[in-house]
Amino acid sequence: MNMSWQMASLLLLGGSTVLLFVGMPVAISFIAINLIGATLFLGGDAGLQQVARNSVAAAINFSLTPIPLFILMGEVLFHTGLALKVIDGVERLIRQVPGRLAVVAVVAGTIFSAISGSTIATTAMLGSLMLPVMLSRGYNPVLATGPIMAIGAVDMLIPPSALTVLLGSLSGISISKLLIGGVVPGLILSAAFVGYIVVRVLTRPDLAPPTPIESKTGWARYELLFLYVAPLASIFVVVIGAMSAGIATPTESAALGALATMALAAGYRALSLENLMRALRGTVAISGMILFIILGAITFSQILSFSGATQGIVTAILGQGLSTLAILAGMMLLLIFLGIFVDQVSMMLITLPVFMPIVQRLEIDLIWFGVLYLICMQLGLLLPPHGLLLMTMKGVAPPQVTMAHIFQAVVPYIAMSIILLLIIIAFPAIATWLPNLLG
C-alpha cells in the first residue's frame, strides 16, 4: 500500500498520541498501533509475524537487564526500613537552618536517588514519612510538599536510574556514560533546592516555624552516618565505579548494586523473607510494565521508518535551514509540552525514532543531548496537571493538603529545572565532563 509519509506519520504518531491522551494504557496503545501499522506497511500476515519476532528480540535484549535490578535496589531499601535510618542519619547531621525539615528531605532524597532506581518510590516514601512530621510542626503545605516532589524528580538524573537505562537502550546512546552524565546536573539541582528553601524561609519565617531539636553531640551525632548512611551510599560508589572503570557492564554493575543492597540489609538483620518477597513483587510489577512497553517500542520505530514517515519528517525538519541550536530548542520544547500530557516512557517512544536520526545527522554530542533529554523528562514528572509525582504526592499526603497546594508548591522547582536546562545548553561541559573523564 502506498501512502505519503505525511499520512503515515499522522496515522502512526498521531494515532498513538490520541490513544495515550484518551487514557489507554501505554503498552496497549502502542501494540494496537503496531498491529495496524504492520498490516498496512509490512504487508499483512508477514508483517504480523515480524511483530512477533521483534517482541521476542526486544524482551531478551541484554542492555535492558539493569532496569529490574535498579528497581530492586530501591524496593529492598524501602521494604526493609533502611530508608528510615538514612532519614534519621541526615536529620542528626543537619543543624538548625531555616526550613530545616525541608532541607533534610532534599538531602535524604538525594542520597536515596543514589541507591534507588525509582522516582515514584522516593517521592512516595519521603511523602509518607516526612510530610506528616512537617505539617504537625506547622510547616506551610506548599513549602512542605514542594521539596519532596522536586527531589523525586532529581532521582531520574542521579544513577542508578531505570529510565536512563531505557533512554540509552532506545536511543543507542552509551548507557554507562548517560548514567554518569546525570550526576553533576542532579547534584546542582539538589544544591539549588536547598538554597531556595533557606532563602524562602528567611524571607517568610512563618512558612516553616523553627522547631527545637535535641542536638546530639559527639559519637551519637555521627553514629547513624557511619553505621547506615555511608555504607548505603557506598553502593552508589560501587555501581558507578565498576561501570566507569570499565570493570563491569551496566548490567553487571546493577547486579553488584542489587547484591550489595541485599547483603547490607541482611547484615543489618533487616532482610526477612517477607520483606524480600514484597520487594521482588514490587520489582516484577514495575519491570513487567516497562518490558511490555518496550515490546511495542522497537516495532513502532521499525514501522515508522519502513513507512517512510521517519525519513520524511527528518528531511522536512532539516530542510528548513534552521540552526542546530534552533532545532535542539524545538526538540526540548516539544518534550516539555508532551510532558504535560504523557508519561516519560511514552515521550521516549513517540520522539526518539524521529529525534535520533536528526541528532546523528547534525552531529550533536550524544551524551549532551541525552542529559538534556533526561532533564526534560524530569520536568514532565513535575508539570501540572498530570505530572506523575504530583499524583503520587496527592496519594500519600494527608487530606488537608489540596491539589492547589501541590500545583503551587512545584512551580519554583520547575523554574529551577528550566534554568538548569538553559545553562547546560549554553555550557555542554556540565553534562559531558564527568562521563568523558571517567569513560
Protein backbone atom coordinates (compact mmCIF):
# COMPACT_ATOMS: atom_id res chain seq x y z
CA MET A 1 0.00 0.00 0.00
CA ASN A 2 1.45 3.37 -0.97
CA MET A 3 0.79 6.20 1.41
CA SER A 4 2.56 9.56 1.59
CA TRP A 5 4.94 9.97 4.52
CA GLN A 6 2.72 12.77 5.85
CA MET A 7 -0.25 10.41 6.05
CA ALA A 8 1.88 7.63 7.51
CA SER A 9 3.29 9.85 10.27
CA LEU A 10 -0.16 11.24 11.03
CA LEU A 11 -1.55 7.72 11.34
CA LEU A 12 1.31 6.32 13.46
CA LEU A 13 2.46 9.28 15.59
CA GLY A 14 -0.97 10.93 15.66
CA GLY A 15 -2.78 7.68 16.36
CA SER A 16 -0.53 6.64 19.22
CA THR A 17 -0.69 10.13 20.76
CA VAL A 18 -4.51 10.19 20.57
CA LEU A 19 -4.77 6.78 22.25
CA LEU A 20 -2.47 7.96 25.07
CA PHE A 21 -4.45 11.19 25.52
CA VAL A 22 -7.70 9.17 25.72
CA GLY A 23 -6.10 7.31 28.61
CA MET A 24 -5.46 3.87 27.09
CA PRO A 25 -2.53 2.13 28.85
CA VAL A 26 0.78 2.88 27.14
CA ALA A 27 1.65 -0.71 26.26
CA ILE A 28 -1.76 -1.42 24.78
CA SER A 29 -1.91 1.76 22.71
CA PHE A 30 1.45 1.02 21.10
CA ILE A 31 0.58 -2.61 20.45
CA ALA A 32 -2.71 -1.52 18.83
CA ILE A 33 -0.97 0.99 16.55
CA ASN A 34 1.70 -1.60 15.73
CA LEU A 35 -0.87 -4.14 14.60
CA ILE A 36 -2.48 -1.56 12.29
CA GLY A 37 0.93 -0.34 11.08
CA ALA A 38 2.28 -3.85 10.49
CA THR A 39 -0.75 -4.80 8.43
CA LEU A 40 -0.55 -1.63 6.32
CA PHE A 41 3.20 -1.14 5.88
CA LEU A 42 4.89 -4.50 6.47
CA GLY A 43 2.42 -6.45 4.35
CA GLY A 44 -0.38 -8.29 6.14
CA ASP A 45 0.49 -11.65 7.72
CA ALA A 46 4.22 -11.34 7.09
CA GLY A 47 4.10 -8.04 8.97
CA LEU A 48 2.34 -9.55 11.96
CA GLN A 49 4.92 -12.35 12.12
CA GLN A 50 7.63 -9.69 12.08
CA VAL A 51 5.92 -8.01 15.07
CA ALA A 52 6.00 -11.31 16.98
CA ARG A 53 9.71 -11.82 16.18
CA ASN A 54 10.51 -8.26 17.29
CA SER A 55 8.72 -8.76 20.58
CA VAL A 56 10.86 -11.77 21.43
CA ALA A 57 14.03 -9.95 20.38
CA ALA A 58 13.07 -6.90 22.48
CA ALA A 59 12.28 -8.95 25.58
CA ILE A 60 15.67 -10.70 25.58
CA ASN A 61 17.65 -7.51 24.91
CA PHE A 62 20.57 -7.65 27.34
CA SER A 63 21.02 -3.88 27.62
CA LEU A 64 17.68 -3.62 29.47
CA THR A 65 18.65 -6.03 32.25
CA PRO A 66 19.79 -3.24 34.64
CA ILE A 67 16.21 -1.94 34.87
CA PRO A 68 14.74 -4.62 37.16
CA LEU A 69 17.99 -4.72 39.16
CA PHE A 70 17.99 -0.95 39.76
CA ILE A 71 14.32 -1.08 40.75
CA LEU A 72 15.04 -3.98 43.11
CA MET A 73 17.69 -1.89 44.91
CA GLY A 74 15.13 0.78 45.74
CA GLU A 75 12.43 -1.72 46.71
CA VAL A 76 14.78 -3.52 49.13
CA LEU A 77 15.73 -0.19 50.71
CA PHE A 78 12.13 0.84 51.29
CA HIS A 79 10.68 -2.50 52.39
CA THR A 80 13.46 -3.27 54.90
CA GLY A 81 13.17 0.10 56.61
CA LEU A 82 16.79 1.04 55.85
CA ALA A 83 15.47 4.22 54.24
CA LEU A 84 14.25 5.38 57.67
CA LYS A 85 17.76 5.08 59.04
CA VAL A 86 19.05 7.28 56.23
CA ILE A 87 16.50 9.99 57.08
CA ASP A 88 17.39 9.81 60.78
CA GLY A 89 21.11 9.93 60.00
CA VAL A 90 20.70 13.01 57.82
CA GLU A 91 18.47 14.67 60.38
CA ARG A 92 21.07 14.30 63.12
CA LEU A 93 23.71 15.92 60.93
CA ILE A 94 21.83 19.00 59.77
CA ARG A 95 21.98 21.80 62.32
CA GLN A 96 19.36 24.48 62.81
CA VAL A 97 18.85 26.05 59.37
CA PRO A 98 15.73 27.83 58.09
CA GLY A 99 13.23 25.26 56.82
CA ARG A 100 15.34 22.53 58.37
CA LEU A 101 12.99 19.59 57.77
CA ALA A 102 12.52 20.54 54.12
CA VAL A 103 16.32 20.65 53.78
CA VAL A 104 16.56 17.22 55.44
CA ALA A 105 14.04 15.91 52.88
CA VAL A 106 16.16 17.19 49.99
CA VAL A 107 19.43 15.79 51.37
CA ALA A 108 17.90 12.43 52.29
CA GLY A 109 16.16 12.32 48.90
CA THR A 110 19.47 12.93 47.12
CA ILE A 111 21.03 10.01 49.00
CA PHE A 112 18.03 7.80 48.09
CA SER A 113 18.42 8.71 44.43
CA ALA A 114 21.91 7.27 44.60
CA ILE A 115 20.63 3.91 45.84
CA SER A 116 17.19 3.64 44.27
CA GLY A 117 16.19 3.41 40.65
CA SER A 118 12.60 4.56 41.06
CA THR A 119 11.45 8.19 41.19
CA ILE A 120 7.95 7.32 42.40
CA ALA A 121 9.24 5.22 45.28
CA THR A 122 11.41 8.10 46.55
CA THR A 123 8.54 10.59 46.48
CA ALA A 124 6.00 8.20 47.98
CA MET A 125 8.31 7.26 50.79
CA LEU A 126 9.51 10.74 51.74
CA GLY A 127 5.93 11.95 51.36
CA SER A 128 4.52 9.36 53.73
CA LEU A 129 7.37 9.61 56.27
CA MET A 130 8.32 13.30 56.36
CA LEU A 131 5.26 15.23 55.24
CA PRO A 132 3.11 14.42 58.33
CA VAL A 133 6.01 15.47 60.59
CA MET A 134 6.44 18.80 58.76
CA LEU A 135 2.70 19.55 58.83
CA SER A 136 2.43 18.70 62.53
CA ARG A 137 5.21 21.21 63.23
CA GLY A 138 3.32 23.99 61.48
CA TYR A 139 5.01 23.96 58.07
CA ASN A 140 3.00 25.50 55.25
CA PRO A 141 1.73 22.66 52.98
CA VAL A 142 3.20 24.43 49.92
CA LEU A 143 6.68 24.58 51.44
CA ALA A 144 6.42 21.03 52.81
CA THR A 145 5.32 19.24 49.61
CA GLY A 146 7.49 21.09 47.05
CA PRO A 147 10.94 19.77 48.02
CA ILE A 148 9.71 16.16 48.30
CA MET A 149 8.32 16.13 44.75
CA ALA A 150 11.29 18.05 43.38
CA ILE A 151 13.85 15.66 44.81
CA GLY A 152 11.86 12.69 43.49
CA ALA A 153 12.37 14.14 40.02
CA VAL A 154 16.13 14.52 40.61
CA ASP A 155 16.16 10.77 41.25
CA MET A 156 15.82 10.38 37.49
CA LEU A 157 19.12 12.19 36.90
CA ILE A 158 21.23 10.55 39.59
CA PRO A 159 22.13 6.90 38.84
CA PRO A 160 21.01 4.18 39.33
CA SER A 161 18.04 5.27 37.25
CA ALA A 162 15.83 2.83 35.36
CA LEU A 163 14.59 5.48 32.93
CA THR A 164 18.15 6.45 31.99
CA VAL A 165 18.88 2.84 31.07
CA LEU A 166 15.74 2.79 28.96
CA LEU A 167 16.68 6.06 27.25
CA GLY A 168 20.16 4.75 26.46
CA SER A 169 18.79 1.49 25.17
CA LEU A 170 16.13 3.04 22.91
CA SER A 171 18.35 5.85 21.59
CA GLY A 172 21.63 3.96 21.17
CA ILE A 173 23.49 6.39 23.49
CA SER A 174 26.11 4.72 25.75
CA ILE A 175 24.17 3.69 28.86
CA SER A 176 27.12 3.90 31.24
CA LYS A 177 28.10 7.40 30.03
CA LEU A 178 24.49 8.57 30.20
CA LEU A 179 24.13 7.31 33.78
CA ILE A 180 27.31 9.15 34.81
CA GLY A 181 26.29 12.26 32.83
CA GLY A 182 23.28 12.82 35.10
CA VAL A 183 25.34 13.03 38.30
CA VAL A 184 26.57 16.64 38.10
CA PRO A 185 23.26 18.17 36.90
CA GLY A 186 21.43 16.18 39.60
CA LEU A 187 23.70 17.47 42.36
CA ILE A 188 23.46 21.04 41.04
CA LEU A 189 19.66 20.84 41.27
CA SER A 190 19.75 19.41 44.81
CA ALA A 191 22.02 22.25 45.92
CA ALA A 192 19.78 24.82 44.23
CA PHE A 193 16.73 23.38 46.01
CA VAL A 194 18.43 23.64 49.41
CA GLY A 195 19.46 27.24 48.65
CA TYR A 196 15.93 28.12 47.56
CA ILE A 197 14.33 26.64 50.71
CA VAL A 198 16.73 28.51 53.02
CA VAL A 199 16.24 31.86 51.26
CA ARG A 200 12.46 31.41 51.03
CA VAL A 201 12.14 30.69 54.76
CA LEU A 202 14.48 33.56 55.66
CA THR A 203 12.14 35.95 53.82
CA ARG A 204 8.95 34.31 55.18
CA PRO A 205 9.74 32.63 58.52
CA ASP A 206 6.03 31.82 59.07
CA LEU A 207 6.18 29.20 56.28
CA ALA A 208 8.34 26.92 58.42
CA PRO A 209 8.40 27.71 62.13
CA PRO A 210 11.72 26.67 63.69
CA THR A 211 11.34 23.63 65.92
CA PRO A 212 13.63 22.85 68.84
CA ILE A 213 15.92 19.97 68.00
CA GLU A 214 17.55 17.70 70.54
CA SER A 215 21.11 18.25 69.41
CA LYS A 216 23.11 15.08 69.74
CA THR A 217 26.78 15.60 70.43
CA GLY A 218 29.90 13.54 69.89
CA TRP A 219 29.52 10.00 68.57
CA ALA A 220 25.70 9.98 68.81
CA ARG A 221 25.54 12.65 66.17
CA TYR A 222 27.61 10.75 63.61
CA GLU A 223 26.66 7.21 64.64
CA LEU A 224 23.91 6.71 62.02
CA LEU A 225 26.05 8.41 59.38
CA PHE A 226 28.81 5.82 59.82
CA LEU A 227 26.56 2.84 60.51
CA TYR A 228 23.95 3.38 57.82
CA VAL A 229 24.29 6.39 55.51
CA ALA A 230 27.93 5.83 54.49
CA PRO A 231 27.61 2.06 53.84
CA LEU A 232 24.45 2.60 51.77
CA ALA A 233 25.97 5.49 49.85
CA SER A 234 29.00 3.30 49.13
CA ILE A 235 26.73 1.11 46.97
CA PHE A 236 26.47 4.09 44.61
CA VAL A 237 30.26 4.29 44.51
CA VAL A 238 30.47 0.56 43.72
CA VAL A 239 27.92 0.77 40.89
CA ILE A 240 29.39 3.89 39.28
CA GLY A 241 32.98 2.90 39.96
CA ALA A 242 32.65 -0.54 38.38
CA MET A 243 30.96 0.98 35.36
CA SER A 244 33.28 3.90 34.76
CA ALA A 245 36.45 1.89 35.34
CA GLY A 246 35.26 -0.46 32.61
CA ILE A 247 35.42 -3.41 35.03
CA ALA A 248 31.73 -4.16 34.58
CA THR A 249 28.97 -3.52 32.05
CA PRO A 250 25.91 -1.54 33.25
CA THR A 251 24.12 -4.87 33.76
CA GLU A 252 26.93 -6.34 35.87
CA SER A 253 27.18 -3.11 37.89
CA ALA A 254 23.44 -3.21 38.52
CA ALA A 255 23.74 -6.82 39.69
CA LEU A 256 26.59 -5.79 42.03
CA GLY A 257 24.43 -2.97 43.35
CA ALA A 258 21.42 -5.21 43.96
CA LEU A 259 23.62 -7.82 45.70
CA ALA A 260 25.32 -5.19 47.85
CA THR A 261 21.95 -3.70 48.87
CA MET A 262 20.64 -7.11 49.91
CA ALA A 263 23.89 -8.02 51.66
CA LEU A 264 23.74 -4.79 53.70
CA ALA A 265 20.07 -5.35 54.52
CA ALA A 266 20.93 -8.89 55.65
CA GLY A 267 23.89 -7.56 57.64
CA TYR A 268 21.58 -5.15 59.48
CA ARG A 269 19.22 -8.12 60.09
CA ALA A 270 16.53 -6.16 58.25
CA LEU A 271 16.02 -8.61 55.42
CA SER A 272 13.22 -11.05 56.24
CA LEU A 273 11.70 -13.43 53.72
CA GLU A 274 8.52 -11.37 53.83
CA ASN A 275 10.39 -8.12 53.05
CA LEU A 276 12.29 -9.76 50.23
CA MET A 277 9.10 -11.15 48.67
CA ARG A 278 7.49 -7.70 48.89
CA ALA A 279 10.50 -6.09 47.22
CA LEU A 280 10.55 -8.75 44.49
CA ARG A 281 6.82 -8.37 43.85
CA GLY A 282 7.20 -4.61 43.52
CA THR A 283 10.11 -5.10 41.14
CA VAL A 284 8.22 -7.55 38.94
CA ALA A 285 5.21 -5.26 38.70
CA ILE A 286 7.25 -2.24 37.57
CA SER A 287 9.65 -4.16 35.31
CA GLY A 288 6.83 -6.11 33.67
CA MET A 289 5.12 -2.87 32.76
CA ILE A 290 8.32 -1.41 31.29
CA LEU A 291 9.08 -4.58 29.33
CA PHE A 292 5.63 -4.62 27.77
CA ILE A 293 6.10 -1.04 26.66
CA ILE A 294 9.48 -1.89 25.11
CA LEU A 295 7.91 -4.71 23.10
CA GLY A 296 5.80 -2.06 21.43
CA ALA A 297 8.63 0.47 21.13
CA ILE A 298 11.01 -1.49 18.94
CA THR A 299 8.33 -2.45 16.40
CA PHE A 300 6.90 1.06 16.44
CA SER A 301 10.16 2.68 15.37
CA GLN A 302 10.65 0.00 12.68
CA ILE A 303 7.19 0.57 11.20
CA LEU A 304 7.75 4.35 11.37
CA SER A 305 10.94 4.14 9.36
CA PHE A 306 9.57 1.49 6.99
CA SER A 307 6.51 3.62 6.15
CA GLY A 308 8.84 6.46 5.16
CA ALA A 309 7.50 8.66 8.00
CA THR A 310 10.83 8.97 9.86
CA GLN A 311 12.78 9.86 6.73
CA GLY A 312 10.09 12.34 5.64
CA ILE A 313 9.92 14.15 8.97
CA VAL A 314 13.72 14.29 9.32
CA THR A 315 14.19 15.65 5.80
CA ALA A 316 11.40 18.18 6.30
CA ILE A 317 12.91 19.47 9.56
CA LEU A 318 16.50 19.61 8.26
CA GLY A 319 15.29 21.25 5.04
CA GLN A 320 14.06 24.31 6.93
CA GLY A 321 17.61 25.63 7.13
CA LEU A 322 17.34 26.14 10.89
CA SER A 323 20.44 26.33 13.07
CA THR A 324 21.36 23.31 15.19
CA LEU A 325 20.51 25.31 18.31
CA ALA A 326 17.04 26.17 16.99
CA ILE A 327 16.32 22.53 16.17
CA LEU A 328 17.57 21.47 19.62
CA ALA A 329 15.40 24.11 21.29
CA GLY A 330 12.41 22.91 19.28
CA MET A 331 13.01 19.33 20.45
CA MET A 332 13.24 20.41 24.08
CA LEU A 333 10.03 22.48 23.83
CA LEU A 334 8.22 19.53 22.26
CA LEU A 335 9.41 17.25 25.09
CA ILE A 336 8.27 19.70 27.77
CA PHE A 337 4.91 20.07 26.01
CA LEU A 338 4.50 16.28 25.78
CA GLY A 339 5.50 16.03 29.42
CA ILE A 340 2.29 17.86 30.36
CA PHE A 341 0.19 15.07 28.88
CA VAL A 342 2.02 11.76 28.70
CA ASP A 343 4.37 9.73 30.86
CA GLN A 344 8.14 9.53 30.36
CA VAL A 345 8.22 6.20 28.56
CA SER A 346 5.59 7.34 26.03
CA MET A 347 7.61 10.50 25.42
CA MET A 348 10.61 8.38 24.50
CA LEU A 349 8.59 6.12 22.24
CA ILE A 350 6.95 8.98 20.34
CA THR A 351 10.03 11.17 19.90
CA LEU A 352 13.22 9.05 19.80
CA PRO A 353 12.57 7.37 16.41
CA VAL A 354 12.42 10.87 14.88
CA PHE A 355 14.90 12.73 17.15
CA MET A 356 17.84 10.33 16.95
CA PRO A 357 18.32 10.44 13.14
CA ILE A 358 18.29 14.27 13.36
CA VAL A 359 20.77 14.29 16.26
CA GLN A 360 23.12 12.00 14.34
CA ARG A 361 22.77 13.95 11.09
CA LEU A 362 23.58 17.22 12.91
CA GLU A 363 26.44 15.53 14.81
CA ILE A 364 25.15 16.75 18.16
CA ASP A 365 27.08 15.31 21.14
CA LEU A 366 25.03 12.27 22.20
CA ILE A 367 25.75 12.46 25.94
CA TRP A 368 24.89 16.17 25.99
CA PHE A 369 21.66 15.51 24.12
CA GLY A 370 20.84 12.56 26.41
CA VAL A 371 21.26 14.63 29.58
CA LEU A 372 19.12 17.46 28.17
CA TYR A 373 16.51 14.84 27.28
CA LEU A 374 16.60 13.49 30.84
CA ILE A 375 16.04 16.96 32.31
CA CYS A 376 13.02 17.45 30.04
CA MET A 377 11.64 14.09 31.18
CA GLN A 378 12.27 15.03 34.77
CA LEU A 379 10.27 18.23 34.18
CA GLY A 380 7.43 16.09 32.85
CA LEU A 381 7.21 14.37 36.24
CA LEU A 382 6.53 17.73 37.89
CA LEU A 383 4.33 19.53 35.36
CA PRO A 384 0.69 20.09 36.32
CA PRO A 385 -1.96 18.79 35.80
CA HIS A 386 -0.89 15.14 35.26
CA GLY A 387 2.72 15.03 36.49
CA LEU A 388 3.30 11.58 37.93
CA LEU A 389 4.95 12.90 41.10
CA LEU A 390 2.09 15.34 41.73
CA MET A 391 -0.32 12.40 41.65
CA THR A 392 1.98 10.33 43.86
CA MET A 393 2.16 13.21 46.34
CA LYS A 394 -1.60 13.63 46.45
CA GLY A 395 -1.89 9.89 47.02
CA VAL A 396 0.30 9.84 50.15
CA ALA A 397 -0.48 13.32 51.56
CA PRO A 398 -2.94 13.88 54.42
CA PRO A 399 -6.37 15.25 53.33
CA GLN A 400 -5.60 18.85 54.36
CA VAL A 401 -3.08 19.08 51.51
CA THR A 402 -5.07 20.09 48.42
CA MET A 403 -4.20 19.77 44.73
CA ALA A 404 -3.90 23.59 44.67
CA HIS A 405 -1.16 23.41 47.32
CA ILE A 406 0.66 20.79 45.29
CA PHE A 407 0.48 22.71 41.99
CA GLN A 408 1.68 25.88 43.70
CA ALA A 409 4.45 24.03 45.54
CA VAL A 410 6.04 22.68 42.40
CA VAL A 411 6.37 25.97 40.45
CA PRO A 412 9.74 27.22 41.81
CA TYR A 413 11.30 23.78 41.29
CA ILE A 414 10.09 23.65 37.70
CA ALA A 415 11.64 27.10 37.20
CA MET A 416 14.98 25.91 38.60
CA SER A 417 14.97 22.85 36.32
CA ILE A 418 14.30 25.02 33.26
CA ILE A 419 17.14 27.37 34.25
CA LEU A 420 19.45 24.34 34.58
CA LEU A 421 18.34 23.16 31.14
CA LEU A 422 19.30 26.54 29.64
CA ILE A 423 22.64 26.56 31.48
CA ILE A 424 23.52 23.09 30.14
CA ILE A 425 22.52 24.12 26.61
CA ALA A 426 24.93 27.05 26.99
CA PHE A 427 27.68 25.02 28.72
CA PRO A 428 27.54 21.40 27.48
CA ALA A 429 30.58 20.52 29.60
CA ILE A 430 28.38 20.37 32.72
CA ALA A 431 26.83 17.21 31.27
CA THR A 432 29.78 15.79 29.34
CA TRP A 433 32.75 16.49 31.60
CA LEU A 434 32.31 13.66 34.12
CA PRO A 435 31.40 10.85 31.65
CA ASN A 436 34.35 11.79 29.44
CA LEU A 437 36.68 11.98 32.42
CA LEU A 438 35.62 8.57 33.77
CA GLY A 439 34.81 6.87 30.45
